Amino acid sequence: MSKTWQLQDAKNKFSEVVEDALKGEPQIITRRGLETAVVLSYEDFKSMKVCCHNLSHFFQKSPLAAVKLDVKRKAGPSRERLNI
């Protein structure tokens, strides 16, 4: 369960904030009553970090990459035109 700290209290008890974060409990920091930051363990941060591969790499690694798709277009217009 996360705990919320006012910024001044978090500064004064920084060691406690970090210890609680290391236990897997994200620590929320507020400033002027607004949630502004979160302290969490490095392990939690790494698990949340998004991989930075591009979209083509994603599709190449997909288990569906070998599936053959019929991507031929019809020769006609894609939709009916409205006469307004």
C-alpha atoms as a PDB file:
ATOM      1  CA  MET A   1       0.000   0.000   0.000  1.00  0.00           C
ATOM      2  CA  SER A   2       1.424   3.375  -0.953  1.00  0.00           C
ATOM      3  CA  LYS A   3       1.838   6.213   1.492  1.00  0.00           C
ATOM      4  CA  THR A   4       1.431   9.917   0.802  1.00  0.00           C
ATOM      5  CA  TRP A   5       3.973  12.424   2.069  1.00  0.00           C
ATOM      6  CA  GLN A   6       3.990  16.200   2.037  1.00  0.00           C
ATOM      7  CA  LEU A   7       7.189  17.380   0.368  1.00  0.00           C
ATOM      8  CA  GLN A   8       8.669  18.846   3.549  1.00  0.00           C
ATOM      9  CA  ASP A   9       8.000  15.645   5.502  1.00  0.00           C
ATOM     10  CA  ALA A  10       9.482  13.537   2.690  1.00  0.00           C
ATOM     11  CA  LYS A  11      12.646  15.648   2.795  1.00  0.00           C
ATOM     12  CA  ASN A  12      12.938  15.296   6.564  1.00  0.00           C
ATOM     13  CA  LYS A  13      12.330  11.530   6.513  1.00  0.00           C
ATOM     14  CA  PHE A  14      13.890  10.669   3.169  1.00  0.00           C
ATOM     15  CA  SER A  15      15.514   7.485   4.490  1.00  0.00           C
ATOM     16  CA  GLU A  16      12.116   6.216   5.639  1.00  0.00           C
ATOM     17  CA  VAL A  17      10.561   7.133   2.271  1.00  0.00           C
ATOM     18  CA  VAL A  18      13.259   5.140   0.461  1.00  0.00           C
ATOM     19  CA  GLU A  19      13.020   2.164   2.832  1.00  0.00           C
ATOM     20  CA  ASP A  20       9.259   1.947   2.299  1.00  0.00           C
ATOM     21  CA  ALA A  21       9.783   2.157  -1.476  1.00  0.00           C
ATOM     22  CA  LEU A  22      12.306  -0.689  -1.288  1.00  0.00           C
ATOM     23  CA  LYS A  23       9.622  -2.811   0.398  1.00  0.00           C
ATOM     24  CA  GLY A  24       7.571  -2.478  -2.801  1.00  0.00           C
ATOM     25  CA  GLU A  25       5.348   0.327  -1.540  1.00  0.00           C
ATOM     26  CA  PRO A  26       5.402   3.367  -3.865  1.00  0.00           C
ATOM     27  CA  GLN A  27       5.631   6.631  -1.932  1.00  0.00           C
ATOM     28  CA  ILE A  28       3.563   9.539  -3.247  1.00  0.00           C
ATOM     29  CA  ILE A  29       4.909  13.059  -2.714  1.00  0.00           C
ATOM     30  CA  THR A  30       2.571  16.054  -2.631  1.00  0.00           C
ATOM     31  CA  ARG A  31       3.341  19.729  -2.968  1.00  0.00           C
ATOM     32  CA  ARG A  32       0.704  22.311  -2.092  1.00  0.00           C
ATOM     33  CA  GLY A  33      -1.810  19.484  -1.798  1.00  0.00           C
ATOM     34  CA  LEU A  34      -1.220  18.136  -5.315  1.00  0.00           C
ATOM     35  CA  GLU A  35       0.348  14.753  -6.057  1.00  0.00           C
ATOM     36  CA  THR A  36       3.579  15.652  -7.848  1.00  0.00           C
ATOM     37  CA  ALA A  37       6.044  12.741  -7.629  1.00  0.00           C
ATOM     38  CA  VAL A  38       6.418   9.077  -6.764  1.00  0.00           C
ATOM     39  CA  VAL A  39       9.374   7.331  -5.133  1.00  0.00           C
ATOM     40  CA  LEU A  40       9.659   3.659  -5.981  1.00  0.00           C
ATOM     41  CA  SER A  41      12.351   1.015  -5.942  1.00  0.00           C
ATOM     42  CA  TYR A  42      14.659   0.673  -8.917  1.00  0.00           C
ATOM     43  CA  GLU A  43      13.341  -2.862  -9.507  1.00  0.00           C
ATOM     44  CA  ASP A  44       9.766  -1.549  -9.728  1.00  0.00           C
ATOM     45  CA  PHE A  45      10.937   1.185 -12.096  1.00  0.00           C
ATOM     46  CA  LYS A  46      12.704  -1.313 -14.385  1.00  0.00           C
ATOM     47  CA  SER A  47       9.630  -3.532 -14.536  1.00  0.00           C
ATOM     48  CA  MET A  48       7.484  -0.573 -15.612  1.00  0.00           C
ATOM     49  CA  LYS A  49       9.901   0.837 -18.175  1.00  0.00           C
ATOM     50  CA  VAL A  50       8.560   0.470 -21.695  1.00  0.00           C
ATOM     51  CA  CYS A  51      10.712  -1.263 -24.258  1.00  0.00           C
ATOM     52  CA  CYS A  52      11.829   1.091 -26.993  1.00  0.00           C
ATOM     53  CA  HIS A  53      11.615  -1.134 -30.085  1.00  0.00           C
ATOM     54  CA  ASN A  54       9.949   0.283 -33.148  1.00  0.00           C
ATOM     55  CA  LEU A  55       6.652  -0.906 -34.577  1.00  0.00           C
ATOM     56  CA  SER A  56       8.165  -2.948 -37.405  1.00  0.00           C
ATOM     57  CA  HIS A  57      10.264  -4.893 -34.864  1.00  0.00           C
ATOM     58  CA  PHE A  58       7.095  -5.602 -32.871  1.00  0.00           C
ATOM     59  CA  PHE A  59       5.341  -7.046 -35.938  1.00  0.00           C
ATOM     60  CA  GLN A  60       8.413  -9.094 -36.967  1.00  0.00           C
ATOM     61  CA  LYS A  61       8.537 -10.744 -33.530  1.00  0.00           C
ATOM     62  CA  SER A  62       4.802 -11.417 -33.424  1.00  0.00           C
ATOM     63  CA  PRO A  63       3.704 -15.068 -33.360  1.00  0.00           C
ATOM     64  CA  LEU A  64       1.415 -14.135 -36.251  1.00  0.00           C
ATOM     65  CA  ALA A  65       4.283 -12.911 -38.473  1.00  0.00           C
ATOM     66  CA  ALA A  66       4.108 -16.035 -40.673  1.00  0.00           C
ATOM     67  CA  VAL A  67       0.358 -15.701 -41.314  1.00  0.00           C
ATOM     68  CA  LYS A  68      -0.397 -14.790 -44.933  1.00  0.00           C
ATOM     69  CA  LEU A  69      -2.923 -11.993 -45.283  1.00  0.00           C
ATOM     70  CA  ASP A  70      -4.949 -11.100 -48.350  1.00  0.00           C
ATOM     71  CA  VAL A  71      -4.337  -7.371 -48.637  1.00  0.00           C
ATOM     72  CA  LYS A  72      -5.656  -6.808 -52.171  1.00  0.00           C
ATOM     73  CA  ARG A  73      -7.885  -3.787 -52.581  1.00  0.00           C
ATOM     74  CA  LYS A  74     -11.112  -3.747 -54.494  1.00  0.00           C
ATOM     75  CA  ALA A  75     -10.988  -1.707 -57.679  1.00  0.00           C
ATOM     76  CA  GLY A  76     -14.130   0.287 -56.855  1.00  0.00           C
ATOM     77  CA  PRO A  77     -14.540   3.227 -54.498  1.00  0.00           C
ATOM     78  CA  SER A  78     -14.061   2.455 -50.838  1.00  0.00           C
ATOM     79  CA  ARG A  79     -17.503   3.731 -49.837  1.00  0.00           C
ATOM     80  CA  GLU A  80     -20.632   5.135 -51.354  1.00  0.00           C
ATOM     81  CA  ARG A  81     -20.739   8.846 -51.969  1.00  0.00           C
ATOM     82  CA  LEU A  82     -23.563  10.840 -50.455  1.00  0.00           C
ATOM     83  CA  ASN A  83     -25.409  13.282 -52.674  1.00  0.00           C
ATOM     84  CA  ILE A  84     -25.989  16.297 -50.502  1.00  0.00           C
END
